[in-house]
Amino acid sequence: MEFNLLFFVTVVPAILLFGISKAGLGGSVALISIPLMTVVMPFTDALAITLPILILADFVAVYKFRKEFDLDTLKLISIGAFIGIIIGALTFKFFSEDVLKLIVGLMGFSFTFHYFFLKKNKYLAIPKSKIKGSFFSIISGFTSFCVHSGGTPLSVYLLPLRIEKAKYVGTRVLYFTFVNLVKLPIYIYLSMINIENLKLSFYLM
């Protein structure tokens, strides 16, 4: 991979956007990170390079929010996510880059729609639901595996619950730590992660 000006104006900002999103400052701004990186590399390389960086950020966040989470909700969505990840792993080879980019676009559209819906109904709290929680966490696990964009489907379920803010953030942090750790050995098994892109991951940390 050539480290030219185009690399630095696409990949570095993309990693920064992931960091902003992980810090809770940018909502789903990281949705554009992977498409931005594909300007200079294949989609699968972009996924592989960013995963170790996401895991490192997860570990930092887990330490901060290790005592703040909703255990019942975390159990439910983690099971759903695991199912979604397995579905993603089994079907990933059938998706072209165009389809993967379409998934990212759909996540962006869904986030925008959901944002305005919540803004309109900001005082409306919805009770927990095993069916909804399982459904949206399966989608979240699937989209997280395929495009690192599991936050939007998860938010569709979590935000309307009106969980106390620290517990909401902690639940998301532990959830995505679990999700990314499950994805790691599968990415390796599928030969998405190799020595070269692993080196680049460490350079970008």
C-alpha atoms as a PDB file:
ATOM      1  CA  MET A   1       0.000   0.000   0.000  1.00  0.00           C
ATOM      2  CA  GLU A   2       1.377   3.397  -0.982  1.00  0.00           C
ATOM      3  CA  PHE A   3       1.631   6.019   1.764  1.00  0.00           C
ATOM      4  CA  ASN A   4       0.942   9.121  -0.290  1.00  0.00           C
ATOM      5  CA  LEU A   5      -1.012  12.319   0.287  1.00  0.00           C
ATOM      6  CA  LEU A   6      -4.294  10.640  -0.644  1.00  0.00           C
ATOM      7  CA  PHE A   7      -3.688   7.998   2.029  1.00  0.00           C
ATOM      8  CA  PHE A   8      -3.203  10.622   4.735  1.00  0.00           C
ATOM      9  CA  VAL A   9      -6.237  12.705   3.739  1.00  0.00           C
ATOM     10  CA  THR A  10      -8.545   9.671   3.720  1.00  0.00           C
ATOM     11  CA  VAL A  11      -7.328   7.029   6.170  1.00  0.00           C
ATOM     12  CA  VAL A  12      -6.153   9.290   9.000  1.00  0.00           C
ATOM     13  CA  PRO A  13      -9.418  11.318   9.138  1.00  0.00           C
ATOM     14  CA  ALA A  14     -11.369   8.044   8.956  1.00  0.00           C
ATOM     15  CA  ILE A  15      -9.562   6.709  12.032  1.00  0.00           C
ATOM     16  CA  LEU A  16     -10.134  10.015  13.830  1.00  0.00           C
ATOM     17  CA  LEU A  17     -13.861   9.777  13.073  1.00  0.00           C
ATOM     18  CA  PHE A  18     -13.922   6.318  14.634  1.00  0.00           C
ATOM     19  CA  GLY A  19     -12.228   7.791  17.699  1.00  0.00           C
ATOM     20  CA  ILE A  20     -14.731  10.634  17.935  1.00  0.00           C
ATOM     21  CA  SER A  21     -17.593   8.177  17.657  1.00  0.00           C
ATOM     22  CA  LYS A  22     -16.093   5.912  20.338  1.00  0.00           C
ATOM     23  CA  ALA A  23     -15.760   8.903  22.643  1.00  0.00           C
ATOM     24  CA  GLY A  24     -19.482   9.494  22.273  1.00  0.00           C
ATOM     25  CA  LEU A  25     -19.026  12.884  20.642  1.00  0.00           C
ATOM     26  CA  GLY A  26     -20.097  12.139  17.102  1.00  0.00           C
ATOM     27  CA  GLY A  27     -23.086   9.836  17.084  1.00  0.00           C
ATOM     28  CA  SER A  28     -22.866   7.774  13.904  1.00  0.00           C
ATOM     29  CA  VAL A  29     -20.295  10.024  12.240  1.00  0.00           C
ATOM     30  CA  ALA A  30     -18.062   6.943  11.866  1.00  0.00           C
ATOM     31  CA  LEU A  31     -20.457   5.640   9.208  1.00  0.00           C
ATOM     32  CA  ILE A  32     -18.386   7.436   6.587  1.00  0.00           C
ATOM     33  CA  SER A  33     -15.044   6.104   7.866  1.00  0.00           C
ATOM     34  CA  ILE A  34     -14.946   2.810   5.968  1.00  0.00           C
ATOM     35  CA  PRO A  35     -16.170   4.316   2.643  1.00  0.00           C
ATOM     36  CA  LEU A  36     -13.531   7.030   3.068  1.00  0.00           C
ATOM     37  CA  MET A  37     -10.797   4.433   3.497  1.00  0.00           C
ATOM     38  CA  THR A  38     -11.940   2.521   0.400  1.00  0.00           C
ATOM     39  CA  VAL A  39     -10.669   5.405  -1.715  1.00  0.00           C
ATOM     40  CA  VAL A  40      -7.165   3.957  -1.235  1.00  0.00           C
ATOM     41  CA  MET A  41      -7.772   0.308  -0.273  1.00  0.00           C
ATOM     42  CA  PRO A  42     -10.218  -2.586  -0.717  1.00  0.00           C
ATOM     43  CA  PHE A  43     -13.262  -2.689   1.569  1.00  0.00           C
ATOM     44  CA  THR A  44     -12.055  -5.827   3.360  1.00  0.00           C
ATOM     45  CA  ASP A  45      -8.678  -4.233   4.126  1.00  0.00           C
ATOM     46  CA  ALA A  46     -10.427  -1.202   5.593  1.00  0.00           C
ATOM     47  CA  LEU A  47     -12.467  -3.467   7.875  1.00  0.00           C
ATOM     48  CA  ALA A  48      -9.414  -5.486   8.907  1.00  0.00           C
ATOM     49  CA  ILE A  49      -7.194  -2.481   9.608  1.00  0.00           C
ATOM     50  CA  THR A  50      -9.759  -0.701  11.767  1.00  0.00           C
ATOM     51  CA  LEU A  51     -10.838  -3.691  13.887  1.00  0.00           C
ATOM     52  CA  PRO A  52      -7.723  -3.840  16.155  1.00  0.00           C
ATOM     53  CA  ILE A  53      -7.963  -0.068  16.602  1.00  0.00           C
ATOM     54  CA  LEU A  54     -11.623  -0.363  17.608  1.00  0.00           C
ATOM     55  CA  ILE A  55     -10.778  -3.113  20.098  1.00  0.00           C
ATOM     56  CA  LEU A  56      -8.068  -0.975  21.709  1.00  0.00           C
ATOM     57  CA  ALA A  57     -10.542   1.910  22.022  1.00  0.00           C
ATOM     58  CA  ASP A  58     -13.094  -0.517  23.476  1.00  0.00           C
ATOM     59  CA  PHE A  59     -10.681  -1.613  26.215  1.00  0.00           C
ATOM     60  CA  VAL A  60     -10.047   1.997  27.212  1.00  0.00           C
ATOM     61  CA  ALA A  61     -13.789   2.696  27.342  1.00  0.00           C
ATOM     62  CA  VAL A  62     -14.537  -0.511  29.280  1.00  0.00           C
ATOM     63  CA  TYR A  63     -12.218   0.591  32.079  1.00  0.00           C
ATOM     64  CA  LYS A  64     -14.100   3.868  32.375  1.00  0.00           C
ATOM     65  CA  PHE A  65     -17.613   2.402  32.270  1.00  0.00           C
ATOM     66  CA  ARG A  66     -16.943  -1.038  33.796  1.00  0.00           C
ATOM     67  CA  LYS A  67     -19.446  -0.474  36.621  1.00  0.00           C
ATOM     68  CA  GLU A  68     -22.135   1.281  34.597  1.00  0.00           C
ATOM     69  CA  PHE A  69     -24.343  -0.988  32.491  1.00  0.00           C
ATOM     70  CA  ASP A  70     -27.777  -2.600  32.296  1.00  0.00           C
ATOM     71  CA  LEU A  71     -27.030  -6.313  32.733  1.00  0.00           C
ATOM     72  CA  ASP A  72     -30.377  -7.694  31.522  1.00  0.00           C
ATOM     73  CA  THR A  73     -30.291  -5.580  28.380  1.00  0.00           C
ATOM     74  CA  LEU A  74     -26.627  -6.416  27.766  1.00  0.00           C
ATOM     75  CA  LYS A  75     -27.329 -10.159  27.943  1.00  0.00           C
ATOM     76  CA  LEU A  76     -30.203  -9.900  25.477  1.00  0.00           C
ATOM     77  CA  ILE A  77     -28.437  -7.800  22.862  1.00  0.00           C
ATOM     78  CA  SER A  78     -25.164  -9.757  23.140  1.00  0.00           C
ATOM     79  CA  ILE A  79     -26.926 -13.007  22.259  1.00  0.00           C
ATOM     80  CA  GLY A  80     -28.617 -11.334  19.297  1.00  0.00           C
ATOM     81  CA  ALA A  81     -25.338  -9.791  18.172  1.00  0.00           C
ATOM     82  CA  PHE A  82     -23.595 -13.164  18.237  1.00  0.00           C
ATOM     83  CA  ILE A  83     -26.277 -14.595  15.947  1.00  0.00           C
ATOM     84  CA  GLY A  84     -25.951 -11.593  13.619  1.00  0.00           C
ATOM     85  CA  ILE A  85     -22.165 -11.945  13.467  1.00  0.00           C
ATOM     86  CA  ILE A  86     -22.449 -15.615  12.512  1.00  0.00           C
ATOM     87  CA  ILE A  87     -24.944 -14.717   9.771  1.00  0.00           C
ATOM     88  CA  GLY A  88     -22.543 -12.039   8.547  1.00  0.00           C
ATOM     89  CA  ALA A  89     -19.610 -14.447   8.557  1.00  0.00           C
ATOM     90  CA  LEU A  90     -21.526 -17.054   6.566  1.00  0.00           C
ATOM     91  CA  THR A  91     -22.826 -14.612   3.951  1.00  0.00           C
ATOM     92  CA  PHE A  92     -19.991 -12.066   3.689  1.00  0.00           C
ATOM     93  CA  LYS A  93     -18.334 -13.734   0.690  1.00  0.00           C
ATOM     94  CA  PHE A  94     -21.486 -13.189  -1.374  1.00  0.00           C
ATOM     95  CA  PHE A  95     -21.426  -9.381  -0.994  1.00  0.00           C
ATOM     96  CA  SER A  96     -19.662  -7.130  -3.485  1.00  0.00           C
ATOM     97  CA  GLU A  97     -18.114  -3.824  -2.396  1.00  0.00           C
ATOM     98  CA  ASP A  98     -21.082  -1.997  -3.921  1.00  0.00           C
ATOM     99  CA  VAL A  99     -23.490  -3.988  -1.758  1.00  0.00           C
ATOM    100  CA  LEU A 100     -21.401  -3.295   1.348  1.00  0.00           C
ATOM    101  CA  LYS A 101     -21.377   0.419   0.555  1.00  0.00           C
ATOM    102  CA  LEU A 102     -25.148   0.250   0.079  1.00  0.00           C
ATOM    103  CA  ILE A 103     -25.459  -1.226   3.567  1.00  0.00           C
ATOM    104  CA  VAL A 104     -23.465   1.719   4.939  1.00  0.00           C
ATOM    105  CA  GLY A 105     -25.777   4.116   3.096  1.00  0.00           C
ATOM    106  CA  LEU A 106     -28.855   2.419   4.507  1.00  0.00           C
ATOM    107  CA  MET A 107     -27.402   2.684   8.010  1.00  0.00           C
ATOM    108  CA  GLY A 108     -26.860   6.409   7.491  1.00  0.00           C
ATOM    109  CA  PHE A 109     -30.419   6.900   6.250  1.00  0.00           C
ATOM    110  CA  SER A 110     -31.799   4.863   9.156  1.00  0.00           C
ATOM    111  CA  PHE A 111     -29.802   6.878  11.683  1.00  0.00           C
ATOM    112  CA  THR A 112     -31.106  10.166  10.270  1.00  0.00           C
ATOM    113  CA  PHE A 113     -34.713   8.954  10.283  1.00  0.00           C
ATOM    114  CA  HIS A 114     -34.400   7.587  13.811  1.00  0.00           C
ATOM    115  CA  TYR A 115     -32.770  10.789  15.083  1.00  0.00           C
ATOM    116  CA  PHE A 116     -35.679  12.939  13.962  1.00  0.00           C
ATOM    117  CA  PHE A 117     -38.212  10.396  15.251  1.00  0.00           C
ATOM    118  CA  LEU A 118     -36.625  10.491  18.709  1.00  0.00           C
ATOM    119  CA  LYS A 119     -36.417  14.270  18.629  1.00  0.00           C
ATOM    120  CA  LYS A 120     -40.149  14.418  17.966  1.00  0.00           C
ATOM    121  CA  ASN A 121     -40.905  11.859  20.695  1.00  0.00           C
ATOM    122  CA  LYS A 122     -38.172  12.731  23.179  1.00  0.00           C
ATOM    123  CA  TYR A 123     -40.350  12.159  26.245  1.00  0.00           C
ATOM    124  CA  LEU A 124     -41.790   8.841  25.065  1.00  0.00           C
ATOM    125  CA  ALA A 125     -40.237   5.841  26.852  1.00  0.00           C
ATOM    126  CA  ILE A 126     -40.771   2.379  25.393  1.00  0.00           C
ATOM    127  CA  PRO A 127     -40.656  -0.728  27.636  1.00  0.00           C
ATOM    128  CA  LYS A 128     -38.031  -3.420  27.102  1.00  0.00           C
ATOM    129  CA  SER A 129     -38.915  -6.114  24.589  1.00  0.00           C
ATOM    130  CA  LYS A 130     -37.090  -9.408  24.026  1.00  0.00           C
ATOM    131  CA  ILE A 131     -38.441  -9.608  20.483  1.00  0.00           C
ATOM    132  CA  LYS A 132     -37.356  -6.081  19.498  1.00  0.00           C
ATOM    133  CA  GLY A 133     -34.069  -6.368  21.368  1.00  0.00           C
ATOM    134  CA  SER A 134     -33.221  -9.647  19.671  1.00  0.00           C
ATOM    135  CA  PHE A 135     -34.271  -8.414  16.228  1.00  0.00           C
ATOM    136  CA  PHE A 136     -32.297  -5.167  16.267  1.00  0.00           C
ATOM    137  CA  SER A 137     -29.232  -6.702  17.924  1.00  0.00           C
ATOM    138  CA  ILE A 138     -29.127  -9.428  15.257  1.00  0.00           C
ATOM    139  CA  ILE A 139     -29.152  -6.688  12.609  1.00  0.00           C
ATOM    140  CA  SER A 140     -26.521  -4.808  14.615  1.00  0.00           C
ATOM    141  CA  GLY A 141     -24.253  -7.855  14.805  1.00  0.00           C
ATOM    142  CA  PHE A 142     -24.661  -8.465  11.086  1.00  0.00           C
ATOM    143  CA  THR A 143     -23.948  -4.871  10.013  1.00  0.00           C
ATOM    144  CA  SER A 144     -21.098  -4.582  12.502  1.00  0.00           C
ATOM    145  CA  PHE A 145     -19.448  -7.645  11.003  1.00  0.00           C
ATOM    146  CA  CYS A 146     -19.956  -6.522   7.400  1.00  0.00           C
ATOM    147  CA  VAL A 147     -19.310  -2.770   7.619  1.00  0.00           C
ATOM    148  CA  HIS A 148     -18.438  -1.840  11.263  1.00  0.00           C
ATOM    149  CA  SER A 149     -21.802  -0.045  11.487  1.00  0.00           C
ATOM    150  CA  GLY A 150     -23.699  -1.830  14.224  1.00  0.00           C
ATOM    151  CA  GLY A 151     -24.441   1.292  16.231  1.00  0.00           C
ATOM    152  CA  THR A 152     -27.481   2.454  14.301  1.00  0.00           C
ATOM    153  CA  PRO A 153     -29.612  -0.719  14.640  1.00  0.00           C
ATOM    154  CA  LEU A 154     -28.624  -0.962  18.302  1.00  0.00           C
ATOM    155  CA  SER A 155     -29.669   2.645  18.921  1.00  0.00           C
ATOM    156  CA  VAL A 156     -33.074   1.978  17.381  1.00  0.00           C
ATOM    157  CA  TYR A 157     -33.720  -0.408  20.267  1.00  0.00           C
ATOM    158  CA  LEU A 158     -31.713   1.141  23.122  1.00  0.00           C
ATOM    159  CA  LEU A 159     -32.468   4.850  22.870  1.00  0.00           C
ATOM    160  CA  PRO A 160     -36.266   4.621  23.272  1.00  0.00           C
ATOM    161  CA  LEU A 161     -35.748   2.660  26.511  1.00  0.00           C
ATOM    162  CA  ARG A 162     -34.512   5.911  28.098  1.00  0.00           C
ATOM    163  CA  ILE A 163     -31.861   4.097  30.124  1.00  0.00           C
ATOM    164  CA  GLU A 164     -29.949   6.372  32.503  1.00  0.00           C
ATOM    165  CA  LYS A 165     -27.146   8.014  30.490  1.00  0.00           C
ATOM    166  CA  ALA A 166     -24.099   6.419  32.156  1.00  0.00           C
ATOM    167  CA  LYS A 167     -25.694   2.964  32.018  1.00  0.00           C
ATOM    168  CA  TYR A 168     -26.664   3.499  28.389  1.00  0.00           C
ATOM    169  CA  VAL A 169     -23.084   4.370  27.425  1.00  0.00           C
ATOM    170  CA  GLY A 170     -21.644   1.550  29.535  1.00  0.00           C
ATOM    171  CA  THR A 171     -24.023  -0.977  28.008  1.00  0.00           C
ATOM    172  CA  ARG A 172     -23.012   0.092  24.495  1.00  0.00           C
ATOM    173  CA  VAL A 173     -19.322  -0.004  25.396  1.00  0.00           C
ATOM    174  CA  LEU A 174     -19.467  -3.543  26.795  1.00  0.00           C
ATOM    175  CA  TYR A 175     -21.677  -4.657  23.916  1.00  0.00           C
ATOM    176  CA  PHE A 176     -19.289  -3.454  21.207  1.00  0.00           C
ATOM    177  CA  THR A 177     -16.281  -4.808  23.077  1.00  0.00           C
ATOM    178  CA  PHE A 178     -17.945  -8.217  22.981  1.00  0.00           C
ATOM    179  CA  VAL A 179     -18.950  -7.789  19.331  1.00  0.00           C
ATOM    180  CA  ASN A 180     -15.485  -6.747  18.167  1.00  0.00           C
ATOM    181  CA  LEU A 181     -13.746  -9.517  20.103  1.00  0.00           C
ATOM    182  CA  VAL A 182     -16.064 -12.091  18.521  1.00  0.00           C
ATOM    183  CA  LYS A 183     -15.355 -10.628  15.072  1.00  0.00           C
ATOM    184  CA  LEU A 184     -11.562 -10.793  15.505  1.00  0.00           C
ATOM    185  CA  PRO A 185     -10.978 -14.579  15.207  1.00  0.00           C
ATOM    186  CA  ILE A 186     -13.513 -14.791  12.376  1.00  0.00           C
ATOM    187  CA  TYR A 187     -11.717 -12.040  10.427  1.00  0.00           C
ATOM    188  CA  ILE A 188      -8.483 -13.976  10.932  1.00  0.00           C
ATOM    189  CA  TYR A 189     -10.101 -17.248   9.849  1.00  0.00           C
ATOM    190  CA  LEU A 190     -11.465 -15.581   6.703  1.00  0.00           C
ATOM    191  CA  SER A 191      -7.935 -14.251   5.962  1.00  0.00           C
ATOM    192  CA  MET A 192      -9.160 -10.660   6.171  1.00  0.00           C
ATOM    193  CA  ILE A 193      -6.538  -9.845   8.804  1.00  0.00           C
ATOM    194  CA  ASN A 194      -2.922 -10.520   7.845  1.00  0.00           C
ATOM    195  CA  ILE A 195       0.503  -9.379   9.012  1.00  0.00           C
ATOM    196  CA  GLU A 196       0.621  -6.408   6.640  1.00  0.00           C
ATOM    197  CA  ASN A 197      -2.689  -4.812   7.576  1.00  0.00           C
ATOM    198  CA  LEU A 198      -2.059  -5.662  11.235  1.00  0.00           C
ATOM    199  CA  LYS A 199       1.173  -3.647  11.069  1.00  0.00           C
ATOM    200  CA  LEU A 200      -0.738  -0.752   9.538  1.00  0.00           C
ATOM    201  CA  SER A 201      -3.296  -0.979  12.355  1.00  0.00           C
ATOM    202  CA  PHE A 202      -0.544  -0.516  14.934  1.00  0.00           C
ATOM    203  CA  TYR A 203       0.978   2.385  12.990  1.00  0.00           C
ATOM    204  CA  LEU A 204      -2.400   4.150  13.006  1.00  0.00           C
ATOM    205  CA  MET A 205      -3.079   3.633  16.724  1.00  0.00           C
END
